[in-house]
Amino acid sequence: MAKLLEGKVAIVTGAGRGLGRGEALLLAKEGAKVVVNDLGGGFDGAGAAAGPADEVVAEIKSFGGEAVANYESVTDFKAAKKIIECAIEKFGKLNILVNNAGILRDRMFFNMEEEEWDSVLSVHLKGTFNCSRHACAYWREEHKAERVHEGKIINTTSDAGLLGNVGQTNYGAAKAGIAALTNILAREMGRYGISCNVIVPVARTRLTTDATPSMKAFMEKTPPPGEFDMLDPENMAPLVVYLASDNAKDINGQVFRLVGNKVWLLGGWHTIDMQGKEEKARWTPEELDKVIKEMVRKAPPQEDMTAPFREAGLF
């Protein structure tokens, strides 16, 4: 049976563990040659080690796949260019970029230090920009040279950014920014045959156990042997493979959440209600008081962070 990604070249950032590892492995099993990028730091971004990326490369090679390790930091603009160049130099081209690298520095907003804000936005939002920027420049030049790769960018956001979560203003702001970046980039790059979509993982990783004590007890629960694990991080990999494949060539600018055996299509900011004045005149604060309170009263309740767990049958 033909493999979905035969002949494709992919980069996965933060691919040494968790979600990225599962994505890199399945991309390779489906025929892609993979650049396994991972700085090898802790969940908070501290430290560096070659081991995590090397181990995933070894796994891929063990089943006959092709992969190379890369240890550059996505936070550095020039280093991110080297990640893109690694794929082109090793495998001759680039077709797929999966922006997965991430860290957490959770803190209540009134206690948050500037460095905790900067470091999280640097990895998530700037890291996604850095890698995508260099990949898009490459694909645009290739398109101008009539070498069309139908490139795919798959970004990673979070319910913390789309729905909000206490203690994660830095992480949530970065993830909301990634969703907006994805929407705009999809429009900009569509003319070059490049699609950009975003996934919303809900899974058991270091960021939902070690870095998030409030979720640790729940997220570490595993089903009895032989039963499907709804929170296995590898559950996300098929969605990434699909979005990276030619089958998804018409899917662009979309947001997908996946928990276990359930997948959601999510929408961004949209109109809930609109009220106008009968006469063409400026609103007064008193008029707005009445109208706005009524619109808010009638609006549906906002989804909360526990919604995907309930809807997937985990609560």
Protein backbone atom coordinates (compact mmCIF):
# COMPACT_ATOMS: atom_id res chain seq x y z
CA MET A 1 0.00 0.00 0.00
CA ALA A 2 1.32 3.43 -0.95
CA LYS A 3 2.51 5.61 1.89
CA LEU A 4 0.80 8.99 2.31
CA LEU A 5 4.03 11.00 2.47
CA GLU A 6 6.32 9.07 0.16
CA GLY A 7 8.98 11.40 -1.23
CA LYS A 8 8.17 14.24 1.18
CA VAL A 9 10.62 15.99 3.51
CA ALA A 10 9.45 17.18 6.92
CA ILE A 11 10.75 19.16 9.87
CA VAL A 12 9.29 18.70 13.34
CA THR A 13 10.44 21.10 16.04
CA GLY A 14 10.49 19.92 19.63
CA ALA A 15 10.47 16.38 18.29
CA GLY A 16 12.54 14.74 21.01
CA ARG A 17 9.66 13.90 23.32
CA GLY A 18 5.88 13.84 23.66
CA LEU A 19 3.77 15.14 20.83
CA GLY A 20 6.69 15.97 18.56
CA ARG A 21 8.22 12.54 18.94
CA GLY A 22 4.94 10.83 17.98
CA GLU A 23 4.51 13.16 15.02
CA ALA A 24 8.04 12.59 13.75
CA LEU A 25 7.71 8.80 14.03
CA LEU A 26 4.43 8.59 12.11
CA LEU A 27 5.59 11.05 9.45
CA ALA A 28 8.58 8.77 8.87
CA LYS A 29 6.43 5.62 8.86
CA GLU A 30 4.30 7.25 6.17
CA GLY A 31 7.37 7.77 4.00
CA ALA A 32 8.63 11.25 4.88
CA LYS A 33 12.30 12.01 5.49
CA VAL A 34 12.37 13.84 8.80
CA VAL A 35 14.51 16.50 10.43
CA VAL A 36 14.10 15.84 14.16
CA ASN A 37 14.72 19.22 15.77
CA ASP A 38 15.05 19.43 19.55
CA LEU A 39 17.19 21.59 21.79
CA GLY A 40 16.87 18.93 24.49
CA GLY A 41 15.90 21.29 27.32
CA GLY A 42 13.50 20.85 30.20
CA PHE A 43 9.80 21.69 30.11
CA ASP A 44 10.75 25.20 31.26
CA GLY A 45 13.35 25.61 28.51
CA ALA A 46 16.35 25.22 30.79
CA GLY A 47 19.36 23.20 29.66
CA ALA A 48 20.17 21.44 26.41
CA ALA A 49 21.00 17.88 25.37
CA ALA A 50 21.43 15.98 22.11
CA GLY A 51 19.96 12.77 23.51
CA PRO A 52 16.24 13.30 22.88
CA ALA A 53 16.64 14.13 19.17
CA ASP A 54 19.23 11.39 18.66
CA GLU A 55 16.95 8.79 20.23
CA VAL A 56 14.06 9.64 17.92
CA VAL A 57 16.35 9.51 14.89
CA ALA A 58 17.52 6.07 16.02
CA GLU A 59 13.88 4.92 16.37
CA ILE A 60 13.09 6.09 12.86
CA LYS A 61 16.13 4.38 11.40
CA SER A 62 15.26 1.16 13.27
CA PHE A 63 12.16 0.68 11.08
CA GLY A 64 13.91 1.74 7.87
CA GLY A 65 13.01 5.40 7.85
CA GLU A 66 15.28 8.33 7.07
CA ALA A 67 15.95 11.06 9.61
CA VAL A 68 18.57 13.49 10.83
CA ALA A 69 18.87 15.24 14.19
CA ASN A 70 19.06 19.00 14.56
CA TYR A 71 19.68 20.79 17.86
CA GLU A 72 19.17 24.46 16.93
CA SER A 73 16.94 26.72 19.02
CA VAL A 74 13.75 27.93 17.34
CA THR A 75 14.00 31.15 19.38
CA ASP A 76 16.97 32.40 17.36
CA PHE A 77 16.11 33.82 13.92
CA LYS A 78 19.40 32.78 12.33
CA ALA A 79 19.39 29.38 14.02
CA ALA A 80 15.85 28.75 12.75
CA LYS A 81 17.09 29.35 9.22
CA LYS A 82 19.66 26.61 9.81
CA ILE A 83 16.83 24.22 10.71
CA ILE A 84 15.21 24.87 7.33
CA GLU A 85 18.57 24.63 5.56
CA CYS A 86 19.24 21.31 7.30
CA ALA A 87 16.28 19.73 5.51
CA ILE A 88 17.29 21.16 2.14
CA GLU A 89 20.96 20.24 2.48
CA LYS A 90 20.32 16.70 3.78
CA PHE A 91 17.28 15.75 1.73
CA GLY A 92 17.18 18.22 -1.18
CA LYS A 93 13.95 20.07 -0.39
CA LEU A 94 11.30 20.85 2.21
CA ASN A 95 7.61 20.00 2.01
CA ILE A 96 6.32 19.97 5.60
CA LEU A 97 7.00 22.10 8.67
CA VAL A 98 5.48 21.11 12.02
CA ASN A 99 5.95 23.85 14.62
CA ASN A 100 5.64 21.96 17.89
CA ALA A 101 8.43 23.20 20.19
CA GLY A 102 7.19 24.66 23.45
CA ILE A 103 7.88 25.38 27.10
CA LEU A 104 5.89 26.52 30.14
CA ARG A 105 6.61 29.08 32.84
CA ASP A 106 3.23 29.25 34.57
CA ARG A 107 2.63 32.04 37.06
CA MET A 108 -0.26 34.20 38.21
CA PHE A 109 -0.08 37.41 36.22
CA PHE A 110 0.62 39.69 39.18
CA ASN A 111 3.64 37.53 40.09
CA MET A 112 4.97 36.96 36.59
CA GLU A 113 8.50 38.09 35.88
CA GLU A 114 9.46 39.71 32.59
CA GLU A 115 11.78 36.80 31.76
CA GLU A 116 8.94 34.30 32.28
CA TRP A 117 6.82 36.25 29.82
CA ASP A 118 9.59 36.72 27.29
CA SER A 119 10.88 33.14 27.32
CA VAL A 120 7.46 31.55 26.70
CA LEU A 121 6.55 33.93 23.87
CA SER A 122 10.03 33.48 22.42
CA VAL A 123 9.71 29.71 22.09
CA HIS A 124 6.07 29.48 21.06
CA LEU A 125 5.19 32.59 19.10
CA LYS A 126 8.58 33.82 17.92
CA GLY A 127 9.76 30.24 17.33
CA THR A 128 6.73 29.60 15.10
CA PHE A 129 7.40 32.87 13.27
CA ASN A 130 11.12 32.16 12.86
CA CYS A 131 10.77 28.72 11.32
CA SER A 132 7.71 29.58 9.24
CA ARG A 133 9.32 32.79 7.96
CA HIS A 134 12.35 30.97 6.56
CA ALA A 135 10.26 28.10 5.19
CA CYS A 136 7.91 30.53 3.43
CA ALA A 137 10.81 32.47 1.92
CA TYR A 138 12.20 29.19 0.56
CA TRP A 139 8.84 28.08 -0.86
CA ARG A 140 8.20 31.48 -2.47
CA GLU A 141 11.54 31.38 -4.26
CA GLU A 142 10.90 27.79 -5.33
CA HIS A 143 7.48 28.79 -6.68
CA LYS A 144 9.02 31.65 -8.65
CA ALA A 145 11.45 29.12 -10.14
CA GLU A 146 8.42 26.95 -11.06
CA ARG A 147 9.36 24.27 -8.54
CA VAL A 148 6.07 23.96 -6.65
CA HIS A 149 6.27 21.90 -3.44
CA GLU A 150 2.70 22.39 -2.14
CA GLY A 151 4.22 23.05 1.25
CA LYS A 152 2.39 22.43 4.51
CA ILE A 153 2.77 24.29 7.78
CA ILE A 154 1.15 22.72 10.82
CA ASN A 155 1.23 24.90 13.91
CA THR A 156 0.37 24.02 17.48
CA THR A 157 -1.93 26.06 19.68
CA SER A 158 -3.75 25.26 22.93
CA ASP A 159 -7.09 25.60 24.69
CA ALA A 160 -5.20 27.90 27.06
CA GLY A 161 -4.94 30.38 24.21
CA LEU A 162 -8.32 29.76 22.59
CA LEU A 163 -10.39 29.45 25.77
CA GLY A 164 -8.14 30.87 28.49
CA ASN A 165 -6.66 29.27 31.60
CA VAL A 166 -5.73 30.78 34.95
CA GLY A 167 -1.99 31.08 35.52
CA GLN A 168 -1.08 30.90 31.84
CA THR A 169 -1.27 34.45 30.49
CA ASN A 170 2.14 34.10 28.82
CA TYR A 171 1.44 30.68 27.31
CA GLY A 172 -2.15 31.56 26.39
CA ALA A 173 -1.16 34.82 24.74
CA ALA A 174 1.50 33.03 22.70
CA LYS A 175 -0.90 30.28 21.65
CA ALA A 176 -3.64 32.73 20.72
CA GLY A 177 -1.05 34.59 18.67
CA ILE A 178 -0.15 31.37 16.85
CA ALA A 179 -3.80 30.84 15.91
CA ALA A 180 -3.97 34.38 14.48
CA LEU A 181 -0.64 33.94 12.70
CA THR A 182 -1.95 30.73 11.13
CA ASN A 183 -5.10 32.39 9.86
CA ILE A 184 -3.21 35.24 8.19
CA LEU A 185 -0.35 33.10 6.89
CA ALA A 186 -2.86 30.76 5.24
CA ARG A 187 -4.20 33.72 3.27
CA GLU A 188 -0.77 35.06 2.36
CA MET A 189 0.78 31.77 1.26
CA GLY A 190 -2.22 30.14 -0.40
CA ARG A 191 -1.31 31.84 -3.70
CA TYR A 192 1.96 29.89 -3.67
CA GLY A 193 0.30 26.55 -3.04
CA ILE A 194 1.21 26.55 0.65
CA SER A 195 -1.34 25.67 3.31
CA CYS A 196 -1.16 26.53 7.00
CA ASN A 197 -3.35 24.90 9.65
CA VAL A 198 -3.19 24.59 13.41
CA ILE A 199 -3.83 21.74 15.82
CA VAL A 200 -4.98 21.87 19.45
CA PRO A 201 -3.54 18.90 21.31
CA VAL A 202 -5.02 17.58 24.54
CA ALA A 203 -2.63 14.86 25.68
CA ARG A 204 -0.35 13.60 28.41
CA THR A 205 3.01 15.36 28.03
CA ARG A 206 5.54 17.08 30.26
CA LEU A 207 3.60 20.30 29.78
CA THR A 208 0.42 18.77 31.23
CA THR A 209 2.05 16.77 34.05
CA ASP A 210 5.43 18.02 35.26
CA ALA A 211 4.77 21.67 34.35
CA THR A 212 1.11 21.78 35.40
CA PRO A 213 0.70 20.38 38.93
CA SER A 214 -3.05 21.11 38.98
CA MET A 215 -3.56 18.68 36.07
CA LYS A 216 -0.92 16.15 37.02
CA ALA A 217 -3.13 13.66 38.92
CA PHE A 218 -5.77 13.60 36.21
CA MET A 219 -3.43 13.56 33.22
CA GLU A 220 -1.26 10.76 34.64
CA LYS A 221 -4.20 8.37 34.95
CA THR A 222 -3.82 5.57 32.43
CA PRO A 223 -6.41 2.98 31.34
CA PRO A 224 -6.07 -0.74 32.09
CA PRO A 225 -3.78 -2.68 29.74
CA GLY A 226 -5.36 -3.25 26.36
CA GLU A 227 -7.76 -0.31 26.56
CA PHE A 228 -7.46 2.74 24.35
CA ASP A 229 -5.56 5.58 26.03
CA MET A 230 -7.46 8.79 25.27
CA LEU A 231 -4.53 10.96 26.39
CA ASP A 232 -1.67 9.19 24.62
CA PRO A 233 0.32 11.96 22.87
CA GLU A 234 0.74 9.74 19.82
CA ASN A 235 -3.00 10.11 19.17
CA MET A 236 -2.25 13.49 17.61
CA ALA A 237 0.15 12.15 14.99
CA PRO A 238 -2.48 10.90 12.47
CA LEU A 239 -4.02 14.38 12.31
CA VAL A 240 -0.60 15.89 11.58
CA VAL A 241 0.10 13.27 8.91
CA TYR A 242 -3.25 13.91 7.27
CA LEU A 243 -2.76 17.69 7.22
CA ALA A 244 0.74 17.15 5.82
CA SER A 245 -0.53 14.94 3.00
CA ASP A 246 -1.76 15.81 -0.49
CA ASN A 247 -5.22 14.64 0.62
CA ALA A 248 -5.48 17.87 2.66
CA LYS A 249 -4.36 20.21 -0.15
CA ASP A 250 -7.65 22.15 0.05
CA ILE A 251 -7.64 22.43 3.86
CA ASN A 252 -6.20 25.82 4.77
CA GLY A 253 -6.43 28.23 7.70
CA GLN A 254 -8.32 25.78 9.92
CA VAL A 255 -8.09 24.90 13.63
CA PHE A 256 -8.53 21.30 14.75
CA ARG A 257 -8.63 19.96 18.30
CA LEU A 258 -8.16 16.24 18.88
CA VAL A 259 -8.69 14.27 22.09
CA GLY A 260 -8.42 10.50 21.82
CA ASN A 261 -11.01 9.40 19.27
CA LYS A 262 -12.76 12.77 18.87
CA VAL A 263 -11.81 15.62 16.56
CA TRP A 264 -13.24 19.16 16.60
CA LEU A 265 -13.23 21.91 13.99
CA LEU A 266 -12.94 25.17 15.92
CA GLY A 267 -13.86 28.68 14.83
CA GLY A 268 -12.17 31.91 15.85
CA TRP A 269 -13.64 35.25 16.79
CA HIS A 270 -17.08 35.59 15.26
CA THR A 271 -20.16 37.77 15.64
CA ILE A 272 -22.50 36.70 18.42
CA ASP A 273 -24.90 39.62 18.24
CA MET A 274 -25.23 43.12 16.74
CA GLN A 275 -27.52 45.97 17.66
CA GLY A 276 -27.99 49.28 15.87
CA LYS A 277 -29.75 52.54 16.56
CA GLU A 278 -32.83 53.47 14.59
CA GLU A 279 -31.49 56.94 13.89
CA LYS A 280 -28.08 57.74 12.43
CA ALA A 281 -26.48 59.14 15.55
CA ARG A 282 -23.65 58.45 17.95
CA TRP A 283 -24.34 56.14 20.89
CA THR A 284 -24.48 57.58 24.38
CA PRO A 285 -22.87 55.67 27.27
CA GLU A 286 -26.33 55.26 28.83
CA GLU A 287 -27.74 53.69 25.65
CA LEU A 288 -24.77 51.36 25.37
CA ASP A 289 -25.22 50.28 28.97
CA LYS A 290 -28.66 48.86 28.22
CA VAL A 291 -27.80 47.33 24.84
CA ILE A 292 -24.50 45.72 25.85
CA LYS A 293 -25.87 44.20 29.04
CA GLU A 294 -28.72 42.65 27.06
CA MET A 295 -26.36 41.24 24.38
CA VAL A 296 -24.10 39.73 27.04
CA ARG A 297 -27.09 38.30 28.92
CA LYS A 298 -28.35 36.50 25.80
CA ALA A 299 -24.92 35.29 24.64
CA PRO A 300 -24.14 31.57 24.96
CA PRO A 301 -21.72 30.69 27.78
CA GLN A 302 -18.06 30.53 26.86
CA GLU A 303 -16.45 27.13 26.56
CA ASP A 304 -14.04 26.33 29.38
CA MET A 305 -10.84 24.30 29.62
CA THR A 306 -12.66 21.19 30.87
CA ALA A 307 -14.98 21.08 27.83
CA PRO A 308 -12.81 18.84 25.62
CA PHE A 309 -12.37 16.36 28.47
CA ARG A 310 -16.12 16.18 29.10
CA GLU A 311 -16.95 15.93 25.41
CA ALA A 312 -14.40 13.13 25.00
CA GLY A 313 -15.96 11.24 27.89
CA LEU A 314 -13.02 11.67 30.26
CA PHE A 315 -15.13 13.36 32.96
